Structure formats: structure tokens, C-alpha cells
Amino acid sequence: MKALILTENEAEDIEVLYPYYRLQEEGIEVHVASTKKGQVTFKHGYWLNADLAFDEVNPDEYDILILPGGRGPEKVRLSKSALNIVKRFSEKSKPIAAICHGPQILISANLVKGRKLTSWQGIKDDVIAAGGMYEDKPVVKDGNLVTSRQPSDLPYWMSELIKAIKG
């Protein structure tokens, strides 16, 4: 099983690193994609190397998609390649996990209309304006979509995602 994290500079460190290592603990191979290969530096100075640029990703090779928050989604959502990756996961009903500002990417991919989800409180109005049904809960699962609000929700988010992938 393989997971893909779409991220950019200034993402919330723990929202990238927690799923990166937690999924590896489950025996899942995890790759990081960004605008370009190489070092991606997060909000508080932690970093990972992006294995792939967005335009190099074949989404059909992956089973799980992770969309961390922070300021990274503002940049990820500007990439047509990144949005195409997200749309492909949605078309195939593969698990998509988004936290904090991560749903901004879902909004730009036109994937929230009629869906239940949560996010960072600061983008609640954006979720609603895009047709999403916002719920202020630590984790919301709607079909293949698993969303959370903030770093304190990480255990609930990953627990729900792991339940979803284990079937």
C-alpha cells in the first residue's frame, strides 16, 4: 500500500510529519510531492524532501492521499497538476485525508459540494460557500473523505483514516 502527501513550504509541520510516520508504522510506503523535488521547509522549521514534483505523480500508483494544513495548501491549490491528482483520487473513491487548511485544496478541485467535512475554523465560510456541509468536530468521515480541524485532532484523524484503509 502506498500513500502520497501533497505539501508545500510553510505547511504545518506536525500535520505533515504525524501522518508521514504514522502510516509508515502501519507498513505503508509514504511519498511526498511538492511543486518541485527537494527540501520542503515547514512552518516551524522542520523539513522533508519531496520525492516527486506534482507533475511527476501518477495518482493511480497510490492508495491514500494526505492534504496537510498550515500555509502550504495556499500554494498547492495553485498547481493544476496537484488538483488533477486530488480529482483522480476522488474519481477512484480512494481515501483522501485533509486537515486544517487542507480542505482549501478540495475546494479548488471542486470536491466539497454536498459533502460533510470539517476544517480549520478560519476557512469554515469557504467550505460552506463551496457547498460543503461544515461540522465542528475533531474528525468527519464522508465516504472516502476524512477531515479534521487542527493539530489537536491528529489522533482522531489518523485513527479514522487507518480504520478506513483497513476496511
N, C-alpha and C. Protein backbone atom coordinates (compact mmCIF):
# COMPACT_ATOMS: atom_id res chain seq x y z
N MET A 1 0.85 -1.17 0.00
CA MET A 1 0.00 0.00 0.00
C MET A 1 0.90 1.24 0.00
N LYS A 2 0.48 2.27 -0.72
CA LYS A 2 1.28 3.49 -0.85
C LYS A 2 0.42 4.73 -0.58
N ALA A 3 1.02 5.68 0.15
CA ALA A 3 0.36 6.95 0.45
C ALA A 3 1.15 8.09 -0.18
N LEU A 4 0.42 9.14 -0.52
CA LEU A 4 1.01 10.33 -1.11
C LEU A 4 0.60 11.54 -0.27
N ILE A 5 1.58 12.36 0.11
CA ILE A 5 1.32 13.61 0.81
C ILE A 5 1.61 14.74 -0.17
N LEU A 6 0.62 15.61 -0.39
CA LEU A 6 0.81 16.80 -1.21
C LEU A 6 1.05 17.97 -0.26
N THR A 7 2.20 18.61 -0.37
CA THR A 7 2.52 19.69 0.56
C THR A 7 3.42 20.72 -0.10
N GLU A 8 3.63 21.79 0.63
CA GLU A 8 4.48 22.89 0.16
C GLU A 8 5.13 23.54 1.37
N ASN A 9 6.06 24.45 1.11
CA ASN A 9 6.68 25.22 2.17
C ASN A 9 5.60 25.89 3.02
N GLU A 10 5.88 26.00 4.31
CA GLU A 10 5.01 26.64 5.29
C GLU A 10 3.79 25.82 5.69
N ALA A 11 3.76 24.54 5.30
CA ALA A 11 2.72 23.66 5.83
C ALA A 11 2.94 23.53 7.34
N GLU A 12 1.90 23.12 8.05
CA GLU A 12 2.00 22.91 9.49
C GLU A 12 2.82 21.63 9.72
N ASP A 13 3.98 21.77 10.33
CA ASP A 13 4.94 20.69 10.49
C ASP A 13 4.31 19.37 10.97
N ILE A 14 3.60 19.44 12.09
CA ILE A 14 3.07 18.22 12.70
C ILE A 14 1.99 17.57 11.83
N GLU A 15 1.30 18.36 11.02
CA GLU A 15 0.25 17.81 10.15
C GLU A 15 0.82 17.09 8.93
N VAL A 16 2.10 17.31 8.67
CA VAL A 16 2.82 16.54 7.64
C VAL A 16 3.52 15.36 8.29
N LEU A 17 4.25 15.63 9.35
CA LEU A 17 5.10 14.60 9.96
C LEU A 17 4.31 13.51 10.67
N TYR A 18 3.21 13.86 11.34
CA TYR A 18 2.42 12.85 12.05
C TYR A 18 1.91 11.77 11.09
N PRO A 19 1.22 12.12 10.01
CA PRO A 19 0.78 11.05 9.09
C PRO A 19 1.94 10.38 8.36
N TYR A 20 3.00 11.14 8.07
CA TYR A 20 4.17 10.58 7.39
C TYR A 20 4.71 9.38 8.17
N TYR A 21 4.93 9.56 9.47
CA TYR A 21 5.48 8.49 10.28
C TYR A 21 4.41 7.48 10.73
N ARG A 22 3.22 7.94 11.03
CA ARG A 22 2.16 7.03 11.50
C ARG A 22 1.81 6.00 10.43
N LEU A 23 1.73 6.45 9.17
CA LEU A 23 1.41 5.50 8.10
C LEU A 23 2.56 4.52 7.87
N GLN A 24 3.79 4.99 8.04
CA GLN A 24 4.93 4.07 7.93
C GLN A 24 4.87 3.00 9.02
N GLU A 25 4.41 3.39 10.22
CA GLU A 25 4.25 2.41 11.29
C GLU A 25 3.27 1.31 10.91
N GLU A 26 2.34 1.63 10.04
CA GLU A 26 1.36 0.65 9.57
C GLU A 26 1.89 -0.16 8.38
N GLY A 27 3.16 0.07 8.00
CA GLY A 27 3.74 -0.66 6.89
C GLY A 27 3.42 -0.07 5.53
N ILE A 28 2.95 1.17 5.51
CA ILE A 28 2.56 1.84 4.27
C ILE A 28 3.73 2.68 3.77
N GLU A 29 4.05 2.54 2.51
CA GLU A 29 5.10 3.34 1.87
C GLU A 29 4.54 4.75 1.66
N VAL A 30 5.29 5.77 2.08
CA VAL A 30 4.80 7.15 2.01
C VAL A 30 5.74 7.98 1.14
N HIS A 31 5.18 8.66 0.16
CA HIS A 31 5.93 9.59 -0.67
C HIS A 31 5.39 11.00 -0.47
N VAL A 32 6.28 11.97 -0.65
CA VAL A 32 5.93 13.38 -0.53
C VAL A 32 6.07 14.02 -1.90
N ALA A 33 5.07 14.79 -2.30
CA ALA A 33 5.12 15.53 -3.56
C ALA A 33 4.92 17.00 -3.27
N SER A 34 5.61 17.82 -4.05
CA SER A 34 5.52 19.27 -3.91
C SER A 34 5.69 19.91 -5.29
N THR A 35 5.73 21.21 -5.33
CA THR A 35 5.89 21.91 -6.60
C THR A 35 7.14 21.43 -7.33
N LYS A 36 8.21 21.18 -6.55
CA LYS A 36 9.43 20.63 -7.14
C LYS A 36 10.06 19.65 -6.17
N LYS A 37 10.89 18.76 -6.68
CA LYS A 37 11.62 17.82 -5.83
C LYS A 37 12.57 18.58 -4.93
N GLY A 38 12.90 17.96 -3.82
CA GLY A 38 13.88 18.56 -2.92
C GLY A 38 13.26 18.99 -1.61
N GLN A 39 14.01 19.76 -0.85
CA GLN A 39 13.60 20.13 0.51
C GLN A 39 12.36 21.00 0.53
N VAL A 40 11.42 20.60 1.39
CA VAL A 40 10.23 21.39 1.69
C VAL A 40 10.33 21.75 3.17
N THR A 41 10.35 23.03 3.47
CA THR A 41 10.52 23.50 4.85
C THR A 41 9.17 23.96 5.40
N PHE A 42 8.82 23.42 6.55
CA PHE A 42 7.52 23.67 7.12
C PHE A 42 7.53 24.88 8.06
N LYS A 43 6.38 25.23 8.54
CA LYS A 43 6.13 26.45 9.31
C LYS A 43 7.10 26.67 10.49
N HIS A 44 7.43 25.60 11.21
CA HIS A 44 8.26 25.74 12.40
C HIS A 44 9.69 25.25 12.17
N GLY A 45 10.09 25.11 10.90
CA GLY A 45 11.47 24.79 10.58
C GLY A 45 11.79 23.34 10.29
N TYR A 46 10.88 22.43 10.60
CA TYR A 46 11.11 21.04 10.23
C TYR A 46 11.00 20.93 8.72
N TRP A 47 11.54 19.85 8.16
CA TRP A 47 11.51 19.70 6.70
C TRP A 47 11.55 18.23 6.31
N LEU A 48 11.15 17.97 5.10
CA LEU A 48 11.28 16.66 4.45
C LEU A 48 11.68 16.93 3.01
N ASN A 49 12.20 15.94 2.37
CA ASN A 49 12.47 16.05 0.93
C ASN A 49 11.27 15.56 0.16
N ALA A 50 10.87 16.34 -0.82
CA ALA A 50 9.81 15.89 -1.73
C ALA A 50 10.42 14.88 -2.69
N ASP A 51 9.82 13.70 -2.76
CA ASP A 51 10.29 12.64 -3.66
C ASP A 51 9.97 12.96 -5.11
N LEU A 52 8.88 13.70 -5.30
CA LEU A 52 8.35 13.97 -6.64
C LEU A 52 7.84 15.39 -6.74
N ALA A 53 7.87 15.92 -7.95
CA ALA A 53 7.14 17.15 -8.25
C ALA A 53 5.71 16.74 -8.59
N PHE A 54 4.76 17.64 -8.39
CA PHE A 54 3.36 17.32 -8.66
C PHE A 54 3.17 16.75 -10.07
N ASP A 55 3.83 17.33 -11.04
CA ASP A 55 3.62 16.88 -12.43
C ASP A 55 4.27 15.54 -12.73
N GLU A 56 5.02 14.97 -11.79
CA GLU A 56 5.61 13.64 -11.96
C GLU A 56 4.77 12.53 -11.34
N VAL A 57 3.75 12.90 -10.59
CA VAL A 57 2.95 11.92 -9.85
C VAL A 57 1.97 11.22 -10.78
N ASN A 58 1.93 9.90 -10.65
CA ASN A 58 0.87 9.10 -11.27
C ASN A 58 -0.06 8.69 -10.13
N PRO A 59 -1.21 9.35 -9.98
CA PRO A 59 -2.07 9.06 -8.83
C PRO A 59 -2.57 7.62 -8.78
N ASP A 60 -2.57 6.94 -9.91
CA ASP A 60 -3.03 5.54 -9.93
C ASP A 60 -2.07 4.60 -9.20
N GLU A 61 -0.86 5.08 -8.90
CA GLU A 61 0.13 4.27 -8.18
C GLU A 61 -0.03 4.36 -6.66
N TYR A 62 -0.99 5.19 -6.21
CA TYR A 62 -1.15 5.43 -4.77
C TYR A 62 -2.55 5.05 -4.31
N ASP A 63 -2.62 4.70 -3.01
CA ASP A 63 -3.88 4.24 -2.42
C ASP A 63 -4.51 5.25 -1.47
N ILE A 64 -3.70 6.17 -0.93
CA ILE A 64 -4.15 7.12 0.09
C ILE A 64 -3.56 8.49 -0.24
N LEU A 65 -4.36 9.54 -0.03
CA LEU A 65 -3.88 10.90 -0.26
C LEU A 65 -4.01 11.70 1.04
N ILE A 66 -2.94 12.42 1.40
CA ILE A 66 -2.91 13.24 2.60
C ILE A 66 -2.74 14.70 2.19
N LEU A 67 -3.60 15.58 2.74
CA LEU A 67 -3.54 17.01 2.48
C LEU A 67 -3.39 17.75 3.80
N PRO A 68 -2.13 18.01 4.23
CA PRO A 68 -1.91 18.72 5.48
C PRO A 68 -2.27 20.19 5.37
N GLY A 69 -2.35 20.85 6.53
CA GLY A 69 -2.74 22.25 6.57
C GLY A 69 -1.59 23.21 6.71
N GLY A 70 -1.83 24.28 7.43
CA GLY A 70 -0.88 25.38 7.51
C GLY A 70 -1.03 26.27 6.28
N ARG A 71 0.06 26.91 5.88
CA ARG A 71 0.03 27.79 4.71
C ARG A 71 0.30 27.04 3.41
N GLY A 72 0.74 25.79 3.51
CA GLY A 72 1.06 25.00 2.32
C GLY A 72 -0.08 24.87 1.32
N PRO A 73 -1.32 24.61 1.77
CA PRO A 73 -2.41 24.44 0.81
C PRO A 73 -2.65 25.64 -0.10
N GLU A 74 -2.34 26.84 0.41
CA GLU A 74 -2.49 28.04 -0.43
C GLU A 74 -1.65 27.93 -1.69
N LYS A 75 -0.50 27.26 -1.59
CA LYS A 75 0.40 27.09 -2.74
C LYS A 75 0.04 25.84 -3.53
N VAL A 76 -0.28 24.76 -2.84
CA VAL A 76 -0.63 23.50 -3.52
C VAL A 76 -1.83 23.72 -4.44
N ARG A 77 -2.83 24.45 -3.98
CA ARG A 77 -4.07 24.63 -4.74
C ARG A 77 -3.86 25.43 -6.03
N LEU A 78 -2.72 26.08 -6.18
CA LEU A 78 -2.42 26.83 -7.39
C LEU A 78 -1.87 25.95 -8.51
N SER A 79 -1.53 24.71 -8.17
CA SER A 79 -0.97 23.78 -9.15
C SER A 79 -2.07 22.96 -9.81
N LYS A 80 -2.18 23.10 -11.12
CA LYS A 80 -3.17 22.31 -11.86
C LYS A 80 -2.87 20.81 -11.73
N SER A 81 -1.58 20.46 -11.72
CA SER A 81 -1.19 19.05 -11.56
C SER A 81 -1.65 18.51 -10.22
N ALA A 82 -1.47 19.29 -9.16
CA ALA A 82 -1.90 18.85 -7.82
C ALA A 82 -3.42 18.67 -7.78
N LEU A 83 -4.15 19.60 -8.36
CA LEU A 83 -5.62 19.48 -8.38
C LEU A 83 -6.06 18.26 -9.17
N ASN A 84 -5.36 17.95 -10.25
CA ASN A 84 -5.68 16.75 -11.03
C ASN A 84 -5.44 15.48 -10.24
N ILE A 85 -4.40 15.48 -9.41
CA ILE A 85 -4.13 14.32 -8.54
C ILE A 85 -5.31 14.12 -7.59
N VAL A 86 -5.74 15.19 -6.95
CA VAL A 86 -6.85 15.12 -5.99
C VAL A 86 -8.13 14.65 -6.69
N LYS A 87 -8.40 15.18 -7.86
CA LYS A 87 -9.60 14.78 -8.61
C LYS A 87 -9.56 13.30 -8.96
N ARG A 88 -8.37 12.80 -9.33
CA ARG A 88 -8.24 11.38 -9.69
C ARG A 88 -8.53 10.49 -8.48
N PHE A 89 -8.01 10.88 -7.30
CA PHE A 89 -8.31 10.12 -6.09
C PHE A 89 -9.81 10.09 -5.83
N SER A 90 -10.46 11.22 -6.03
CA SER A 90 -11.90 11.31 -5.82
C SER A 90 -12.65 10.43 -6.81
N GLU A 91 -12.27 10.48 -8.09
CA GLU A 91 -12.91 9.66 -9.13
C GLU A 91 -12.83 8.17 -8.80
N LYS A 92 -11.71 7.76 -8.22
CA LYS A 92 -11.48 6.35 -7.89
C LYS A 92 -11.96 6.00 -6.48
N SER A 93 -12.55 6.97 -5.77
CA SER A 93 -13.03 6.79 -4.38
C SER A 93 -11.95 6.28 -3.45
N LYS A 94 -10.72 6.71 -3.68
CA LYS A 94 -9.62 6.36 -2.78
C LYS A 94 -9.64 7.31 -1.59
N PRO A 95 -9.17 6.84 -0.42
CA PRO A 95 -9.19 7.70 0.76
C PRO A 95 -8.39 8.99 0.58
N ILE A 96 -9.04 10.10 0.96
CA ILE A 96 -8.42 11.42 0.97
C ILE A 96 -8.57 11.96 2.38
N ALA A 97 -7.43 12.28 3.02
CA ALA A 97 -7.45 12.81 4.38
C ALA A 97 -6.92 14.24 4.35
N ALA A 98 -7.74 15.19 4.78
CA ALA A 98 -7.36 16.61 4.80
C ALA A 98 -7.57 17.17 6.19
N ILE A 99 -6.63 18.02 6.62
CA ILE A 99 -6.72 18.61 7.95
C ILE A 99 -6.43 20.11 7.87
N CYS A 100 -7.04 20.86 8.78
CA CYS A 100 -6.77 22.28 8.95
C CYS A 100 -7.12 23.05 7.68
N HIS A 101 -6.14 23.62 6.99
CA HIS A 101 -6.38 24.34 5.74
C HIS A 101 -6.34 23.41 4.52
N GLY A 102 -6.08 22.13 4.72
CA GLY A 102 -6.05 21.16 3.62
C GLY A 102 -7.29 21.17 2.75
N PRO A 103 -8.50 21.35 3.34
CA PRO A 103 -9.69 21.40 2.50
C PRO A 103 -9.71 22.53 1.47
N GLN A 104 -8.82 23.52 1.61
CA GLN A 104 -8.73 24.54 0.56
C GLN A 104 -8.41 23.88 -0.79
N ILE A 105 -7.62 22.83 -0.76
CA ILE A 105 -7.27 22.12 -1.98
C ILE A 105 -8.51 21.42 -2.54
N LEU A 106 -9.30 20.83 -1.65
CA LEU A 106 -10.55 20.18 -2.07
C LEU A 106 -11.51 21.20 -2.69
N ILE A 107 -11.54 22.40 -2.11
CA ILE A 107 -12.40 23.46 -2.64
C ILE A 107 -11.96 23.82 -4.06
N SER A 108 -10.66 24.02 -4.25
CA SER A 108 -10.15 24.39 -5.57
C SER A 108 -10.35 23.28 -6.60
N ALA A 109 -10.42 22.03 -6.14
CA ALA A 109 -10.67 20.89 -7.02
C ALA A 109 -12.17 20.65 -7.23
N ASN A 110 -13.01 21.52 -6.64
CA ASN A 110 -14.47 21.40 -6.74
C ASN A 110 -15.00 20.08 -6.20
N LEU A 111 -14.50 19.69 -5.03
CA LEU A 111 -14.88 18.39 -4.47
C LEU A 111 -15.63 18.46 -3.15
N VAL A 112 -16.06 19.65 -2.71
CA VAL A 112 -16.74 19.71 -1.41
C VAL A 112 -18.26 19.85 -1.50
N LYS A 113 -18.78 20.22 -2.64
CA LYS A 113 -20.22 20.44 -2.76
C LYS A 113 -21.00 19.18 -2.36
N GLY A 114 -21.90 19.35 -1.38
CA GLY A 114 -22.73 18.25 -0.92
C GLY A 114 -22.03 17.28 0.02
N ARG A 115 -20.78 17.57 0.39
CA ARG A 115 -20.02 16.67 1.27
C ARG A 115 -19.97 17.22 2.69
N LYS A 116 -19.98 16.31 3.67
CA LYS A 116 -19.78 16.68 5.07
C LYS A 116 -18.28 16.71 5.33
N LEU A 117 -17.81 17.80 5.96
CA LEU A 117 -16.40 17.88 6.30
C LEU A 117 -16.18 18.91 7.37
N THR A 118 -14.96 18.92 7.89
CA THR A 118 -14.55 19.93 8.84
C THR A 118 -13.23 20.50 8.38
N SER A 119 -12.78 21.56 9.05
CA SER A 119 -11.55 22.24 8.67
C SER A 119 -11.16 23.20 9.79
N TRP A 120 -10.08 23.91 9.58
CA TRP A 120 -9.72 25.00 10.48
C TRP A 120 -10.87 26.01 10.48
N GLN A 121 -11.23 26.52 11.62
CA GLN A 121 -12.35 27.46 11.75
C GLN A 121 -12.24 28.63 10.77
N GLY A 122 -11.02 29.07 10.47
CA GLY A 122 -10.81 30.22 9.60
C GLY A 122 -11.23 30.02 8.16
N ILE A 123 -11.42 28.76 7.73
CA ILE A 123 -11.90 28.53 6.36
C ILE A 123 -13.29 27.90 6.34
N LYS A 124 -13.94 27.90 7.49
CA LYS A 124 -15.32 27.37 7.59
C LYS A 124 -16.22 28.02 6.54
N ASP A 125 -16.16 29.34 6.43
CA ASP A 125 -17.02 30.04 5.47
C ASP A 125 -16.70 29.66 4.03
N ASP A 126 -15.43 29.39 3.75
CA ASP A 126 -15.03 28.96 2.40
C ASP A 126 -15.62 27.58 2.08
N VAL A 127 -15.59 26.69 3.06
CA VAL A 127 -16.16 25.35 2.89
C VAL A 127 -17.66 25.47 2.60
N ILE A 128 -18.35 26.29 3.38
CA ILE A 128 -19.79 26.47 3.21
C ILE A 128 -20.10 27.13 1.86
N ALA A 129 -19.33 28.16 1.50
CA ALA A 129 -19.55 28.86 0.22
C ALA A 129 -19.33 27.92 -0.97
N ALA A 130 -18.47 26.91 -0.80
CA ALA A 130 -18.21 25.94 -1.87
C ALA A 130 -19.24 24.81 -1.88
N GLY A 131 -20.22 24.88 -0.98
CA GLY A 131 -21.29 23.88 -0.96
C GLY A 131 -21.07 22.74 0.00
N GLY A 132 -20.02 22.83 0.82
CA GLY A 132 -19.78 21.78 1.81
C GLY A 132 -20.68 21.94 3.02
N MET A 133 -20.91 20.85 3.73
CA MET A 133 -21.70 20.85 4.96
C MET A 133 -20.72 20.77 6.12
N TYR A 134 -20.40 21.92 6.69
CA TYR A 134 -19.39 22.04 7.73
C TYR A 134 -19.88 21.47 9.05
N GLU A 135 -19.02 20.68 9.70
CA GLU A 135 -19.30 20.14 11.03
C GLU A 135 -18.11 20.45 11.93
N ASP A 136 -18.36 21.05 13.06
CA ASP A 136 -17.29 21.40 14.00
C ASP A 136 -17.04 20.23 14.94
N LYS A 137 -16.30 19.23 14.44
CA LYS A 137 -15.98 18.03 15.20
C LYS A 137 -14.51 17.68 14.95
N PRO A 138 -13.90 16.91 15.85
CA PRO A 138 -12.49 16.54 15.67
C PRO A 138 -12.20 15.78 14.37
N VAL A 139 -13.15 14.98 13.95
CA VAL A 139 -12.98 14.25 12.69
C VAL A 139 -14.35 14.04 12.06
N VAL A 140 -14.40 14.18 10.75
CA VAL A 140 -15.63 13.94 10.00
C VAL A 140 -15.27 13.02 8.84
N LYS A 141 -15.99 11.90 8.72
CA LYS A 141 -15.80 10.99 7.61
C LYS A 141 -17.05 11.02 6.74
N ASP A 142 -16.85 11.23 5.45
CA ASP A 142 -17.95 11.21 4.48
C ASP A 142 -17.45 10.43 3.27
N GLY A 143 -17.86 9.18 3.18
CA GLY A 143 -17.36 8.34 2.10
C GLY A 143 -15.86 8.18 2.19
N ASN A 144 -15.16 8.54 1.11
CA ASN A 144 -13.70 8.39 1.08
C ASN A 144 -12.97 9.59 1.70
N LEU A 145 -13.70 10.56 2.18
CA LEU A 145 -13.11 11.80 2.70
C LEU A 145 -13.06 11.79 4.23
N VAL A 146 -11.85 12.02 4.78
CA VAL A 146 -11.66 12.08 6.23
C VAL A 146 -11.02 13.44 6.53
N THR A 147 -11.72 14.27 7.29
CA THR A 147 -11.21 15.62 7.57
C THR A 147 -11.15 15.90 9.08
N SER A 148 -10.22 16.79 9.43
CA SER A 148 -10.08 17.24 10.82
C SER A 148 -9.78 18.73 10.84
N ARG A 149 -9.86 19.32 12.04
CA ARG A 149 -9.78 20.77 12.17
C ARG A 149 -8.38 21.32 12.41
N GLN A 150 -7.58 20.63 13.25
CA GLN A 150 -6.36 21.25 13.78
C GLN A 150 -5.44 20.19 14.37
N PRO A 151 -4.21 20.59 14.74
CA PRO A 151 -3.25 19.61 15.26
C PRO A 151 -3.76 18.77 16.43
N SER A 152 -4.57 19.34 17.33
CA SER A 152 -5.05 18.54 18.47
C SER A 152 -5.98 17.41 18.03
N ASP A 153 -6.45 17.45 16.78
CA ASP A 153 -7.33 16.39 16.26
C ASP A 153 -6.56 15.26 15.57
N LEU A 154 -5.24 15.38 15.50
CA LEU A 154 -4.44 14.41 14.75
C LEU A 154 -4.70 12.95 15.13
N PRO A 155 -4.78 12.58 16.41
CA PRO A 155 -5.02 11.17 16.74
C PRO A 155 -6.36 10.66 16.20
N TYR A 156 -7.40 11.51 16.25
CA TYR A 156 -8.72 11.11 15.75
C TYR A 156 -8.68 10.96 14.22
N TRP A 157 -8.00 11.90 13.56
CA TRP A 157 -7.88 11.92 12.10
C TRP A 157 -7.18 10.66 11.59
N MET A 158 -6.01 10.37 12.17
CA MET A 158 -5.26 9.20 11.70
C MET A 158 -5.97 7.90 12.08
N SER A 159 -6.60 7.87 13.25
CA SER A 159 -7.34 6.67 13.66
C SER A 159 -8.45 6.37 12.67
N GLU A 160 -9.21 7.40 12.28
CA GLU A 160 -10.32 7.22 11.34
C GLU A 160 -9.80 6.83 9.96
N LEU A 161 -8.68 7.42 9.52
CA LEU A 161 -8.10 7.06 8.23
C LEU A 161 -7.64 5.61 8.22
N ILE A 162 -6.96 5.21 9.29
CA ILE A 162 -6.47 3.83 9.35
C ILE A 162 -7.62 2.84 9.38
N LYS A 163 -8.70 3.16 10.10
CA LYS A 163 -9.90 2.31 10.06
C LYS A 163 -10.43 2.21 8.63
N ALA A 164 -10.46 3.32 7.93
CA ALA A 164 -10.99 3.33 6.56
C ALA A 164 -10.14 2.48 5.61
N ILE A 165 -8.82 2.54 5.75
CA ILE A 165 -7.99 1.79 4.81
C ILE A 165 -7.91 0.31 5.15
N LYS A 166 -8.17 -0.02 6.42
CA LYS A 166 -8.18 -1.42 6.80
C LYS A 166 -9.52 -2.08 6.50
N GLY A 167 -10.51 -1.24 6.12
CA GLY A 167 -11.80 -1.75 5.70
C GLY A 167 -12.67 -2.18 6.82
